[in-house]
Amino acid sequence: MEQARALDPGSLNGAEKAAIILLSLGEGAAPLWTQLDDEEVREISQAMSNLGIVPASAVEGLIGEFVSKMTTSGSLIGTFEQTQRVLSSFLSTEKVDALMEEIRGPAGRTMWDKLGNVNEVVLANYLKNEYPQTVAVVLSKVKPDHAARVLSALPEDFADECVMRMLRMEPVQREILDKIETTLRAEFISNLQRTSKRDSHEQMAEIFNNFDRLTEGRFLGSLEEKNREAADRIRALMFVFEDLAKLDPGGVQTLLRNVEKDVLTLSLKGASDSLRDLFFSNMSERAAKIMREDMASMGPVRLKDVDGAQARMVLVAKDLANKGEIVLAESNKDDELIY
């Protein structure tokens, strides 16, 4: 059961306070909702869907005397479904669907913000079927670093044509831009949510990544006996320590700067010769020499300790990848990337 958060009314922002009050009023809040503009409705809806359980004490701090008229539990639950029900009491189905799709979709206040939070490979796979001129408009509206990654993921000839269109592009008329935004919202952002539910094998691969080597082997062995196909899929999706061998030199150096020396030493103690050489080659000669000496002086080490250190390095690498500081290649596909 979800635990209530210890909310301090003073720490809530305006949208969160409004969401709690309107949620407590339920359908009776319809006249208030109609006084809000579209942006205010969007902000409050987003806050409402993320509230979770709001303790009675927090509600009391905002609406005082109204607490006695609430449910016997004295608390509220703000969920996606509850938000949708409240909005449906006074907005058209079409408008509610549009708002909820925005809440579910990639983060961002505008369509272009949202596109900036979509994986470049996913966006490129959609854009490659559009006209080069349309792609040029889209890429001119997102941040340059994201546009560069999308262009790199597009077919080469098509990407070259898009670049030429961007160079020759005149100011885009508002109605054309509106049409592109509408199409993106209807055909891409909404469909993205319907198709982006996480595969259960991906979830299990992440769990297996956090097992020590013996536990991982036990579960995979057991699963192979019952469902070899599922075991093979999970194994292919797992990102393991040896996959760090696919880092480019810049990625290795970034990882070296972010991993504690004792963790690195213990990890490399149990690494393959090729992976050791990769890390040593990206250190100074002196640093590599000291690292080798430290490893030699450790003597025998427990497999459990090595697994723990290597798992720590993998977590650091994934964190750096999520921040965009390094690029990790998937364990089963050399030509695809995760961020």
C-alpha atoms as a PDB file:
ATOM      1  CA  MET A   1       0.000   0.000   0.000  1.00  0.00           C
ATOM      2  CA  GLU A   2       1.295   3.447  -0.938  1.00  0.00           C
ATOM      3  CA  GLN A   3       2.421   5.471   2.061  1.00  0.00           C
ATOM      4  CA  ALA A   4       1.233   9.032   2.554  1.00  0.00           C
ATOM      5  CA  ARG A   5       3.853  11.697   2.108  1.00  0.00           C
ATOM      6  CA  ALA A   6       4.564  14.108   4.954  1.00  0.00           C
ATOM      7  CA  LEU A   7       3.598  17.239   3.045  1.00  0.00           C
ATOM      8  CA  ASP A   8       4.196  20.705   4.398  1.00  0.00           C
ATOM      9  CA  PRO A   9       1.566  23.066   2.921  1.00  0.00           C
ATOM     10  CA  GLY A  10       4.200  25.776   2.868  1.00  0.00           C
ATOM     11  CA  SER A  11       6.362  23.700   0.504  1.00  0.00           C
ATOM     12  CA  LEU A  12       3.610  23.200  -2.108  1.00  0.00           C
ATOM     13  CA  ASN A  13       3.603  25.321  -5.237  1.00  0.00           C
ATOM     14  CA  GLY A  14       0.523  27.105  -6.527  1.00  0.00           C
ATOM     15  CA  ALA A  15      -0.501  24.388  -8.964  1.00  0.00           C
ATOM     16  CA  GLU A  16      -0.259  21.695  -6.249  1.00  0.00           C
ATOM     17  CA  LYS A  17      -2.329  23.743  -3.782  1.00  0.00           C
ATOM     18  CA  ALA A  18      -4.982  24.397  -6.429  1.00  0.00           C
ATOM     19  CA  ALA A  19      -4.979  20.708  -7.376  1.00  0.00           C
ATOM     20  CA  ILE A  20      -5.637  19.600  -3.764  1.00  0.00           C
ATOM     21  CA  ILE A  21      -8.454  22.080  -3.280  1.00  0.00           C
ATOM     22  CA  LEU A  22     -10.134  21.291  -6.615  1.00  0.00           C
ATOM     23  CA  LEU A  23      -9.692  17.569  -6.031  1.00  0.00           C
ATOM     24  CA  SER A  24     -11.382  17.843  -2.646  1.00  0.00           C
ATOM     25  CA  LEU A  25     -14.332  19.665  -4.235  1.00  0.00           C
ATOM     26  CA  GLY A  26     -14.696  16.999  -6.924  1.00  0.00           C
ATOM     27  CA  GLU A  27     -17.385  17.646  -9.515  1.00  0.00           C
ATOM     28  CA  GLY A  28     -18.565  20.601  -7.473  1.00  0.00           C
ATOM     29  CA  ALA A  29     -15.441  22.438  -8.631  1.00  0.00           C
ATOM     30  CA  ALA A  30     -16.719  22.622 -12.240  1.00  0.00           C
ATOM     31  CA  PRO A  31     -17.546  26.361 -12.054  1.00  0.00           C
ATOM     32  CA  LEU A  32     -14.004  27.070 -10.829  1.00  0.00           C
ATOM     33  CA  TRP A  33     -12.394  25.030 -13.609  1.00  0.00           C
ATOM     34  CA  THR A  34     -14.294  26.991 -16.239  1.00  0.00           C
ATOM     35  CA  GLN A  35     -12.676  30.215 -14.981  1.00  0.00           C
ATOM     36  CA  LEU A  36      -9.186  28.902 -15.736  1.00  0.00           C
ATOM     37  CA  ASP A  37      -7.399  29.308 -19.061  1.00  0.00           C
ATOM     38  CA  ASP A  38      -5.990  26.346 -20.974  1.00  0.00           C
ATOM     39  CA  GLU A  39      -2.469  26.705 -19.578  1.00  0.00           C
ATOM     40  CA  GLU A  40      -3.751  26.866 -15.988  1.00  0.00           C
ATOM     41  CA  VAL A  41      -5.912  23.782 -16.544  1.00  0.00           C
ATOM     42  CA  ARG A  42      -2.887  21.979 -17.998  1.00  0.00           C
ATOM     43  CA  GLU A  43      -0.587  22.893 -15.098  1.00  0.00           C
ATOM     44  CA  ILE A  44      -3.124  21.993 -12.400  1.00  0.00           C
ATOM     45  CA  SER A  45      -4.044  18.731 -14.148  1.00  0.00           C
ATOM     46  CA  GLN A  46      -0.377  17.747 -14.313  1.00  0.00           C
ATOM     47  CA  ALA A  47       0.073  18.531 -10.608  1.00  0.00           C
ATOM     48  CA  MET A  48      -3.126  16.682  -9.674  1.00  0.00           C
ATOM     49  CA  SER A  49      -2.113  13.503 -11.509  1.00  0.00           C
ATOM     50  CA  ASN A  50       1.196  13.419  -9.608  1.00  0.00           C
ATOM     51  CA  LEU A  51      -0.130  14.095  -6.094  1.00  0.00           C
ATOM     52  CA  GLY A  52      -0.455  10.528  -4.923  1.00  0.00           C
ATOM     53  CA  ILE A  53      -1.856  10.285  -1.393  1.00  0.00           C
ATOM     54  CA  VAL A  54      -2.339  13.655   0.310  1.00  0.00           C
ATOM     55  CA  PRO A  55      -2.601  13.342   4.126  1.00  0.00           C
ATOM     56  CA  ALA A  56      -5.471  14.993   5.932  1.00  0.00           C
ATOM     57  CA  SER A  57      -3.017  17.263   7.750  1.00  0.00           C
ATOM     58  CA  ALA A  58      -1.899  18.770   4.444  1.00  0.00           C
ATOM     59  CA  VAL A  59      -5.493  19.208   3.321  1.00  0.00           C
ATOM     60  CA  GLU A  60      -6.337  20.893   6.632  1.00  0.00           C
ATOM     61  CA  GLY A  61      -3.542  23.360   6.129  1.00  0.00           C
ATOM     62  CA  LEU A  62      -5.074  24.461   2.822  1.00  0.00           C
ATOM     63  CA  ILE A  63      -8.830  24.326   3.289  1.00  0.00           C
ATOM     64  CA  GLY A  64      -9.280  24.144   7.094  1.00  0.00           C
ATOM     65  CA  GLU A  65     -12.962  23.997   7.893  1.00  0.00           C
ATOM     66  CA  PHE A  66     -13.725  21.968   4.752  1.00  0.00           C
ATOM     67  CA  VAL A  67     -11.963  18.870   6.191  1.00  0.00           C
ATOM     68  CA  SER A  68     -15.097  17.887   8.181  1.00  0.00           C
ATOM     69  CA  LYS A  69     -17.044  17.542   4.909  1.00  0.00           C
ATOM     70  CA  MET A  70     -14.518  15.179   3.336  1.00  0.00           C
ATOM     71  CA  THR A  71     -14.360  11.389   3.340  1.00  0.00           C
ATOM     72  CA  THR A  72     -14.001   9.478   6.600  1.00  0.00           C
ATOM     73  CA  SER A  73     -10.334   8.905   5.888  1.00  0.00           C
ATOM     74  CA  GLY A  74      -9.757  12.630   5.729  1.00  0.00           C
ATOM     75  CA  SER A  75      -7.319  12.188   2.859  1.00  0.00           C
ATOM     76  CA  LEU A  76      -7.340  12.427  -0.929  1.00  0.00           C
ATOM     77  CA  ILE A  77      -5.802  10.300  -3.632  1.00  0.00           C
ATOM     78  CA  GLY A  78      -4.685  12.177  -6.735  1.00  0.00           C
ATOM     79  CA  THR A  79      -4.184   9.745  -9.619  1.00  0.00           C
ATOM     80  CA  PHE A  80      -4.264   9.855 -13.386  1.00  0.00           C
ATOM     81  CA  GLU A  81      -7.686   8.178 -13.432  1.00  0.00           C
ATOM     82  CA  GLN A  82      -9.147  10.489 -10.784  1.00  0.00           C
ATOM     83  CA  THR A  83      -7.874  13.539 -12.648  1.00  0.00           C
ATOM     84  CA  GLN A  84      -9.466  12.248 -15.849  1.00  0.00           C
ATOM     85  CA  ARG A  85     -12.831  11.724 -14.095  1.00  0.00           C
ATOM     86  CA  VAL A  86     -12.791  15.237 -12.624  1.00  0.00           C
ATOM     87  CA  LEU A  87     -11.927  16.868 -15.952  1.00  0.00           C
ATOM     88  CA  SER A  88     -14.597  14.816 -17.743  1.00  0.00           C
ATOM     89  CA  SER A  89     -17.286  16.396 -15.567  1.00  0.00           C
ATOM     90  CA  PHE A  90     -16.917  19.787 -17.263  1.00  0.00           C
ATOM     91  CA  LEU A  91     -14.701  19.417 -20.366  1.00  0.00           C
ATOM     92  CA  SER A  92     -15.448  17.729 -23.676  1.00  0.00           C
ATOM     93  CA  THR A  93     -14.126  14.218 -24.229  1.00  0.00           C
ATOM     94  CA  GLU A  94     -11.851  15.493 -26.984  1.00  0.00           C
ATOM     95  CA  LYS A  95     -10.279  18.124 -24.733  1.00  0.00           C
ATOM     96  CA  VAL A  96      -9.888  15.708 -21.814  1.00  0.00           C
ATOM     97  CA  ASP A  97      -8.200  13.156 -24.059  1.00  0.00           C
ATOM     98  CA  ALA A  98      -5.804  15.811 -25.375  1.00  0.00           C
ATOM     99  CA  LEU A  99      -4.910  16.969 -21.857  1.00  0.00           C
ATOM    100  CA  MET A 100      -4.388  13.454 -20.529  1.00  0.00           C
ATOM    101  CA  GLU A 101      -2.242  12.516 -23.525  1.00  0.00           C
ATOM    102  CA  GLU A 102      -0.048  15.522 -22.734  1.00  0.00           C
ATOM    103  CA  ILE A 103       0.252  14.442 -19.114  1.00  0.00           C
ATOM    104  CA  ARG A 104       1.129  10.890 -20.121  1.00  0.00           C
ATOM    105  CA  GLY A 105       3.466  11.956 -22.910  1.00  0.00           C
ATOM    106  CA  PRO A 106       7.093  13.149 -22.827  1.00  0.00           C
ATOM    107  CA  ALA A 107       7.725  16.017 -20.410  1.00  0.00           C
ATOM    108  CA  GLY A 108       7.608  19.581 -21.723  1.00  0.00           C
ATOM    109  CA  ARG A 109       5.321  22.578 -21.822  1.00  0.00           C
ATOM    110  CA  THR A 110       5.357  22.918 -25.619  1.00  0.00           C
ATOM    111  CA  MET A 111       5.373  20.376 -28.428  1.00  0.00           C
ATOM    112  CA  TRP A 112       8.998  21.234 -29.172  1.00  0.00           C
ATOM    113  CA  ASP A 113       9.970  20.706 -25.521  1.00  0.00           C
ATOM    114  CA  LYS A 114       8.312  17.307 -25.659  1.00  0.00           C
ATOM    115  CA  LEU A 115      10.173  16.335 -28.832  1.00  0.00           C
ATOM    116  CA  GLY A 116      13.407  17.294 -27.093  1.00  0.00           C
ATOM    117  CA  ASN A 117      12.720  14.561 -24.530  1.00  0.00           C
ATOM    118  CA  VAL A 118      12.071  11.831 -27.097  1.00  0.00           C
ATOM    119  CA  ASN A 119      14.938   9.448 -27.852  1.00  0.00           C
ATOM    120  CA  GLU A 120      16.573  10.584 -31.102  1.00  0.00           C
ATOM    121  CA  VAL A 121      16.358   7.111 -32.684  1.00  0.00           C
ATOM    122  CA  VAL A 122      12.608   6.954 -31.988  1.00  0.00           C
ATOM    123  CA  LEU A 123      12.097  10.470 -33.381  1.00  0.00           C
ATOM    124  CA  ALA A 124      14.261   9.747 -36.431  1.00  0.00           C
ATOM    125  CA  ASN A 125      12.273   6.579 -37.194  1.00  0.00           C
ATOM    126  CA  TYR A 126       9.139   8.696 -37.330  1.00  0.00           C
ATOM    127  CA  LEU A 127      10.602  11.641 -39.245  1.00  0.00           C
ATOM    128  CA  LYS A 128      12.242   9.518 -41.958  1.00  0.00           C
ATOM    129  CA  ASN A 129       8.753   8.933 -43.391  1.00  0.00           C
ATOM    130  CA  GLU A 130       7.963  12.665 -43.575  1.00  0.00           C
ATOM    131  CA  TYR A 131       8.811  15.204 -46.278  1.00  0.00           C
ATOM    132  CA  PRO A 132      12.332  16.668 -45.920  1.00  0.00           C
ATOM    133  CA  GLN A 133      10.832  20.155 -45.657  1.00  0.00           C
ATOM    134  CA  THR A 134       8.671  19.057 -42.706  1.00  0.00           C
ATOM    135  CA  VAL A 135      11.676  17.475 -41.018  1.00  0.00           C
ATOM    136  CA  ALA A 136      13.648  20.676 -41.589  1.00  0.00           C
ATOM    137  CA  VAL A 137      10.959  22.677 -39.785  1.00  0.00           C
ATOM    138  CA  VAL A 138      10.850  20.229 -36.869  1.00  0.00           C
ATOM    139  CA  LEU A 139      14.639  20.151 -36.445  1.00  0.00           C
ATOM    140  CA  SER A 140      14.817  23.934 -36.588  1.00  0.00           C
ATOM    141  CA  LYS A 141      12.490  24.103 -33.568  1.00  0.00           C
ATOM    142  CA  VAL A 142      14.273  21.657 -31.237  1.00  0.00           C
ATOM    143  CA  LYS A 143      17.557  22.271 -29.450  1.00  0.00           C
ATOM    144  CA  PRO A 144      20.668  22.062 -31.676  1.00  0.00           C
ATOM    145  CA  ASP A 145      22.268  19.176 -29.775  1.00  0.00           C
ATOM    146  CA  HIS A 146      19.112  17.075 -30.091  1.00  0.00           C
ATOM    147  CA  ALA A 147      18.697  18.025 -33.766  1.00  0.00           C
ATOM    148  CA  ALA A 148      22.274  16.872 -34.383  1.00  0.00           C
ATOM    149  CA  ARG A 149      21.594  13.465 -32.824  1.00  0.00           C
ATOM    150  CA  VAL A 150      18.373  13.047 -34.830  1.00  0.00           C
ATOM    151  CA  LEU A 151      20.147  13.939 -38.090  1.00  0.00           C
ATOM    152  CA  SER A 152      22.829  11.374 -37.301  1.00  0.00           C
ATOM    153  CA  ALA A 153      20.142   8.717 -36.836  1.00  0.00           C
ATOM    154  CA  LEU A 154      18.383   9.481 -40.146  1.00  0.00           C
ATOM    155  CA  PRO A 155      19.305   7.698 -43.412  1.00  0.00           C
ATOM    156  CA  GLU A 156      22.352   9.510 -44.808  1.00  0.00           C
ATOM    157  CA  ASP A 157      20.890  10.770 -48.114  1.00  0.00           C
ATOM    158  CA  PHE A 158      17.660  11.825 -46.441  1.00  0.00           C
ATOM    159  CA  ALA A 159      19.569  13.641 -43.688  1.00  0.00           C
ATOM    160  CA  ASP A 160      21.646  15.506 -46.304  1.00  0.00           C
ATOM    161  CA  GLU A 161      18.451  16.649 -48.031  1.00  0.00           C
ATOM    162  CA  CYS A 162      17.017  17.845 -44.698  1.00  0.00           C
ATOM    163  CA  VAL A 163      20.186  19.856 -44.025  1.00  0.00           C
ATOM    164  CA  MET A 164      19.881  21.549 -47.439  1.00  0.00           C
ATOM    165  CA  ARG A 165      16.225  22.370 -46.737  1.00  0.00           C
ATOM    166  CA  MET A 166      17.179  23.860 -43.370  1.00  0.00           C
ATOM    167  CA  LEU A 167      19.824  26.045 -45.021  1.00  0.00           C
ATOM    168  CA  ARG A 168      17.324  27.373 -47.566  1.00  0.00           C
ATOM    169  CA  MET A 169      14.378  27.601 -45.198  1.00  0.00           C
ATOM    170  CA  GLU A 170      12.329  30.805 -45.120  1.00  0.00           C
ATOM    171  CA  PRO A 171      10.346  31.936 -42.034  1.00  0.00           C
ATOM    172  CA  VAL A 172       7.531  29.435 -41.479  1.00  0.00           C
ATOM    173  CA  GLN A 173       3.967  30.728 -41.533  1.00  0.00           C
ATOM    174  CA  ARG A 174       2.067  30.325 -38.291  1.00  0.00           C
ATOM    175  CA  GLU A 175      -0.699  28.208 -39.819  1.00  0.00           C
ATOM    176  CA  ILE A 176       1.849  25.755 -41.275  1.00  0.00           C
ATOM    177  CA  LEU A 177       3.604  25.489 -37.916  1.00  0.00           C
ATOM    178  CA  ASP A 178       0.253  24.908 -36.190  1.00  0.00           C
ATOM    179  CA  LYS A 179      -0.576  22.152 -38.669  1.00  0.00           C
ATOM    180  CA  ILE A 180       2.766  20.423 -38.062  1.00  0.00           C
ATOM    181  CA  GLU A 181       2.275  20.659 -34.280  1.00  0.00           C
ATOM    182  CA  THR A 182      -1.240  19.210 -34.573  1.00  0.00           C
ATOM    183  CA  THR A 183      -0.003  16.334 -36.720  1.00  0.00           C
ATOM    184  CA  LEU A 184       2.873  15.573 -34.364  1.00  0.00           C
ATOM    185  CA  ARG A 185       0.544  15.582 -31.378  1.00  0.00           C
ATOM    186  CA  ALA A 186      -2.053  13.340 -33.039  1.00  0.00           C
ATOM    187  CA  GLU A 187       0.173  10.937 -34.958  1.00  0.00           C
ATOM    188  CA  PHE A 188       3.382  10.782 -32.937  1.00  0.00           C
ATOM    189  CA  ILE A 189       3.159  11.889 -29.304  1.00  0.00           C
ATOM    190  CA  SER A 190      -0.153  10.122 -28.621  1.00  0.00           C
ATOM    191  CA  ASN A 191       0.935   6.923 -30.398  1.00  0.00           C
ATOM    192  CA  LEU A 192       4.292   7.057 -28.623  1.00  0.00           C
ATOM    193  CA  GLN A 193       2.573   6.598 -25.284  1.00  0.00           C
ATOM    194  CA  ARG A 194       0.461   3.708 -26.523  1.00  0.00           C
ATOM    195  CA  THR A 195       3.508   1.828 -27.805  1.00  0.00           C
ATOM    196  CA  SER A 196       6.076   2.736 -25.158  1.00  0.00           C
ATOM    197  CA  LYS A 197       4.876   0.565 -22.296  1.00  0.00           C
ATOM    198  CA  ARG A 198       7.945  -1.161 -20.938  1.00  0.00           C
ATOM    199  CA  ASP A 199       8.405  -4.735 -22.005  1.00  0.00           C
ATOM    200  CA  SER A 200       8.374  -7.103 -19.041  1.00  0.00           C
ATOM    201  CA  HIS A 201      11.625  -8.649 -20.269  1.00  0.00           C
ATOM    202  CA  GLU A 202      13.313  -5.221 -20.065  1.00  0.00           C
ATOM    203  CA  GLN A 203      12.132  -4.829 -16.489  1.00  0.00           C
ATOM    204  CA  MET A 204      13.431  -8.271 -15.566  1.00  0.00           C
ATOM    205  CA  ALA A 205      16.756  -7.547 -17.282  1.00  0.00           C
ATOM    206  CA  GLU A 206      17.210  -4.519 -15.015  1.00  0.00           C
ATOM    207  CA  ILE A 207      16.399  -6.636 -11.970  1.00  0.00           C
ATOM    208  CA  PHE A 208      18.821  -9.350 -13.071  1.00  0.00           C
ATOM    209  CA  ASN A 209      21.502  -6.677 -13.581  1.00  0.00           C
ATOM    210  CA  ASN A 210      21.369  -6.041  -9.848  1.00  0.00           C
ATOM    211  CA  PHE A 211      21.887  -9.685  -8.849  1.00  0.00           C
ATOM    212  CA  ASP A 212      25.306 -10.923  -7.863  1.00  0.00           C
ATOM    213  CA  ARG A 213      26.799 -13.436 -10.281  1.00  0.00           C
ATOM    214  CA  LEU A 214      25.684 -16.545  -8.401  1.00  0.00           C
ATOM    215  CA  THR A 215      22.098 -15.348  -7.922  1.00  0.00           C
ATOM    216  CA  GLU A 216      21.885 -14.260 -11.543  1.00  0.00           C
ATOM    217  CA  GLY A 217      23.115 -17.659 -12.698  1.00  0.00           C
ATOM    218  CA  ARG A 218      20.621 -19.454 -10.469  1.00  0.00           C
ATOM    219  CA  PHE A 219      17.620 -17.488 -11.750  1.00  0.00           C
ATOM    220  CA  LEU A 220      18.664 -17.638 -15.406  1.00  0.00           C
ATOM    221  CA  GLY A 221      19.350 -21.367 -15.108  1.00  0.00           C
ATOM    222  CA  SER A 222      15.947 -21.981 -13.583  1.00  0.00           C
ATOM    223  CA  LEU A 223      14.243 -19.808 -16.194  1.00  0.00           C
ATOM    224  CA  GLU A 224      16.029 -21.608 -19.045  1.00  0.00           C
ATOM    225  CA  GLU A 225      14.506 -24.887 -17.892  1.00  0.00           C
ATOM    226  CA  LYS A 226      11.005 -23.398 -17.943  1.00  0.00           C
ATOM    227  CA  ASN A 227      11.217 -20.901 -20.819  1.00  0.00           C
ATOM    228  CA  ARG A 228      14.482 -20.774 -22.775  1.00  0.00           C
ATOM    229  CA  GLU A 229      13.193 -18.050 -25.108  1.00  0.00           C
ATOM    230  CA  ALA A 230      12.429 -15.716 -22.180  1.00  0.00           C
ATOM    231  CA  ALA A 231      15.838 -16.422 -20.630  1.00  0.00           C
ATOM    232  CA  ASP A 232      17.591 -15.646 -23.921  1.00  0.00           C
ATOM    233  CA  ARG A 233      15.665 -12.365 -24.310  1.00  0.00           C
ATOM    234  CA  ILE A 234      16.527 -11.260 -20.790  1.00  0.00           C
ATOM    235  CA  ARG A 235      20.178 -12.179 -21.233  1.00  0.00           C
ATOM    236  CA  ALA A 236      20.310 -10.182 -24.484  1.00  0.00           C
ATOM    237  CA  LEU A 237      18.775  -7.122 -22.809  1.00  0.00           C
ATOM    238  CA  MET A 238      21.047  -7.143 -19.778  1.00  0.00           C
ATOM    239  CA  PHE A 239      23.823  -4.562 -19.625  1.00  0.00           C
ATOM    240  CA  VAL A 240      26.723  -6.147 -17.799  1.00  0.00           C
ATOM    241  CA  PHE A 241      30.188  -5.091 -16.736  1.00  0.00           C
ATOM    242  CA  GLU A 242      31.920  -6.572 -19.790  1.00  0.00           C
ATOM    243  CA  ASP A 243      29.711  -4.400 -22.021  1.00  0.00           C
ATOM    244  CA  LEU A 244      31.799  -1.442 -20.843  1.00  0.00           C
ATOM    245  CA  ALA A 245      34.328  -2.687 -23.422  1.00  0.00           C
ATOM    246  CA  LYS A 246      32.121  -0.992 -26.043  1.00  0.00           C
ATOM    247  CA  LEU A 247      32.733   2.489 -24.594  1.00  0.00           C
ATOM    248  CA  ASP A 248      34.699   4.880 -26.773  1.00  0.00           C
ATOM    249  CA  PRO A 249      37.895   6.428 -25.311  1.00  0.00           C
ATOM    250  CA  GLY A 250      36.063   9.561 -24.221  1.00  0.00           C
ATOM    251  CA  GLY A 251      33.462   7.476 -22.427  1.00  0.00           C
ATOM    252  CA  VAL A 252      36.125   5.427 -20.652  1.00  0.00           C
ATOM    253  CA  GLN A 253      37.891   8.570 -19.464  1.00  0.00           C
ATOM    254  CA  THR A 254      34.620  10.089 -18.230  1.00  0.00           C
ATOM    255  CA  LEU A 255      33.818   6.902 -16.335  1.00  0.00           C
ATOM    256  CA  LEU A 256      37.313   6.834 -14.812  1.00  0.00           C
ATOM    257  CA  ARG A 257      36.785  10.353 -13.443  1.00  0.00           C
ATOM    258  CA  ASN A 258      33.521   9.335 -11.782  1.00  0.00           C
ATOM    259  CA  VAL A 259      34.372   5.972 -10.193  1.00  0.00           C
ATOM    260  CA  GLU A 260      36.067   5.675  -6.808  1.00  0.00           C
ATOM    261  CA  LYS A 261      39.601   4.296  -7.060  1.00  0.00           C
ATOM    262  CA  ASP A 262      38.955   1.327  -4.753  1.00  0.00           C
ATOM    263  CA  VAL A 263      35.838   0.360  -6.759  1.00  0.00           C
ATOM    264  CA  LEU A 264      37.792   0.570 -10.018  1.00  0.00           C
ATOM    265  CA  THR A 265      40.696  -1.469  -8.643  1.00  0.00           C
ATOM    266  CA  LEU A 266      38.443  -4.260  -7.372  1.00  0.00           C
ATOM    267  CA  SER A 267      36.380  -4.259 -10.587  1.00  0.00           C
ATOM    268  CA  LEU A 268      39.410  -4.581 -12.843  1.00  0.00           C
ATOM    269  CA  LYS A 269      40.821  -7.294 -10.599  1.00  0.00           C
ATOM    270  CA  GLY A 270      38.039  -9.547 -11.867  1.00  0.00           C
ATOM    271  CA  ALA A 271      37.860  -8.171 -15.421  1.00  0.00           C
ATOM    272  CA  SER A 272      39.006  -9.796 -18.642  1.00  0.00           C
ATOM    273  CA  ASP A 273      42.464  -8.906 -19.960  1.00  0.00           C
ATOM    274  CA  SER A 274      40.978  -7.001 -22.893  1.00  0.00           C
ATOM    275  CA  LEU A 275      38.781  -4.847 -20.646  1.00  0.00           C
ATOM    276  CA  ARG A 276      41.679  -4.165 -18.285  1.00  0.00           C
ATOM    277  CA  ASP A 277      43.802  -3.073 -21.243  1.00  0.00           C
ATOM    278  CA  LEU A 278      41.038  -0.733 -22.421  1.00  0.00           C
ATOM    279  CA  PHE A 279      40.966   1.088 -19.077  1.00  0.00           C
ATOM    280  CA  PHE A 280      44.735   1.095 -18.649  1.00  0.00           C
ATOM    281  CA  SER A 281      45.192   2.551 -22.137  1.00  0.00           C
ATOM    282  CA  ASN A 282      43.017   5.517 -21.161  1.00  0.00           C
ATOM    283  CA  MET A 283      45.069   6.282 -18.029  1.00  0.00           C
ATOM    284  CA  SER A 284      48.418   7.958 -17.799  1.00  0.00           C
ATOM    285  CA  GLU A 285      51.338   5.522 -17.790  1.00  0.00           C
ATOM    286  CA  ARG A 286      52.020   6.297 -14.151  1.00  0.00           C
ATOM    287  CA  ALA A 287      48.376   5.860 -13.077  1.00  0.00           C
ATOM    288  CA  ALA A 288      48.151   2.531 -14.919  1.00  0.00           C
ATOM    289  CA  LYS A 289      51.341   1.313 -13.254  1.00  0.00           C
ATOM    290  CA  ILE A 290      50.042   2.217  -9.784  1.00  0.00           C
ATOM    291  CA  MET A 291      46.702   0.528 -10.527  1.00  0.00           C
ATOM    292  CA  ARG A 292      48.424  -2.699 -11.581  1.00  0.00           C
ATOM    293  CA  GLU A 293      50.530  -2.647  -8.425  1.00  0.00           C
ATOM    294  CA  ASP A 294      47.447  -2.072  -6.261  1.00  0.00           C
ATOM    295  CA  MET A 295      45.680  -5.013  -7.928  1.00  0.00           C
ATOM    296  CA  ALA A 296      48.673  -7.276  -7.403  1.00  0.00           C
ATOM    297  CA  SER A 297      48.991  -6.309  -3.741  1.00  0.00           C
ATOM    298  CA  MET A 298      45.337  -7.171  -3.034  1.00  0.00           C
ATOM    299  CA  GLY A 299      45.950 -10.895  -3.286  1.00  0.00           C
ATOM    300  CA  PRO A 300      42.893 -13.178  -3.631  1.00  0.00           C
ATOM    301  CA  VAL A 301      39.529 -11.385  -3.469  1.00  0.00           C
ATOM    302  CA  ARG A 302      36.029 -12.733  -2.968  1.00  0.00           C
ATOM    303  CA  LEU A 303      33.895 -13.113  -6.091  1.00  0.00           C
ATOM    304  CA  LYS A 304      31.014 -11.448  -4.227  1.00  0.00           C
ATOM    305  CA  ASP A 305      33.122  -8.330  -3.617  1.00  0.00           C
ATOM    306  CA  VAL A 306      34.201  -8.179  -7.261  1.00  0.00           C
ATOM    307  CA  ASP A 307      30.593  -8.521  -8.424  1.00  0.00           C
ATOM    308  CA  GLY A 308      29.555  -5.704  -6.105  1.00  0.00           C
ATOM    309  CA  ALA A 309      32.270  -3.369  -7.379  1.00  0.00           C
ATOM    310  CA  GLN A 310      31.498  -4.163 -11.007  1.00  0.00           C
ATOM    311  CA  ALA A 311      27.786  -3.609 -10.420  1.00  0.00           C
ATOM    312  CA  ARG A 312      28.658  -0.235  -8.895  1.00  0.00           C
ATOM    313  CA  MET A 313      30.637   0.692 -12.013  1.00  0.00           C
ATOM    314  CA  VAL A 314      27.731  -0.304 -14.246  1.00  0.00           C
ATOM    315  CA  LEU A 315      25.343   1.872 -12.207  1.00  0.00           C
ATOM    316  CA  VAL A 316      27.726   4.840 -12.479  1.00  0.00           C
ATOM    317  CA  ALA A 317      27.987   4.260 -16.233  1.00  0.00           C
ATOM    318  CA  LYS A 318      24.195   4.144 -16.613  1.00  0.00           C
ATOM    319  CA  ASP A 319      23.828   7.328 -14.577  1.00  0.00           C
ATOM    320  CA  LEU A 320      26.367   9.088 -16.798  1.00  0.00           C
ATOM    321  CA  ALA A 321      24.529   7.814 -19.872  1.00  0.00           C
ATOM    322  CA  ASN A 322      21.213   9.159 -18.558  1.00  0.00           C
ATOM    323  CA  LYS A 323      22.885  12.546 -18.159  1.00  0.00           C
ATOM    324  CA  GLY A 324      24.161  12.355 -21.737  1.00  0.00           C
ATOM    325  CA  GLU A 325      27.811  12.348 -20.682  1.00  0.00           C
ATOM    326  CA  ILE A 326      28.627   8.958 -22.210  1.00  0.00           C
ATOM    327  CA  VAL A 327      26.983   6.599 -24.712  1.00  0.00           C
ATOM    328  CA  LEU A 328      26.357   2.964 -23.854  1.00  0.00           C
ATOM    329  CA  ALA A 329      25.969   0.363 -26.601  1.00  0.00           C
ATOM    330  CA  GLU A 330      23.330  -2.282 -25.951  1.00  0.00           C
ATOM    331  CA  SER A 331      24.739  -5.674 -25.146  1.00  0.00           C
ATOM    332  CA  ASN A 332      22.974  -7.386 -28.030  1.00  0.00           C
ATOM    333  CA  LYS A 333      23.148  -4.772 -30.781  1.00  0.00           C
ATOM    334  CA  ASP A 334      26.367  -2.994 -31.596  1.00  0.00           C
ATOM    335  CA  ASP A 335      24.688  -0.533 -33.895  1.00  0.00           C
ATOM    336  CA  GLU A 336      21.987   0.702 -31.496  1.00  0.00           C
ATOM    337  CA  LEU A 337      22.375   3.017 -28.562  1.00  0.00           C
ATOM    338  CA  ILE A 338      20.636   3.680 -25.257  1.00  0.00           C
ATOM    339  CA  TYR A 339      20.690   6.981 -23.398  1.00  0.00           C
END
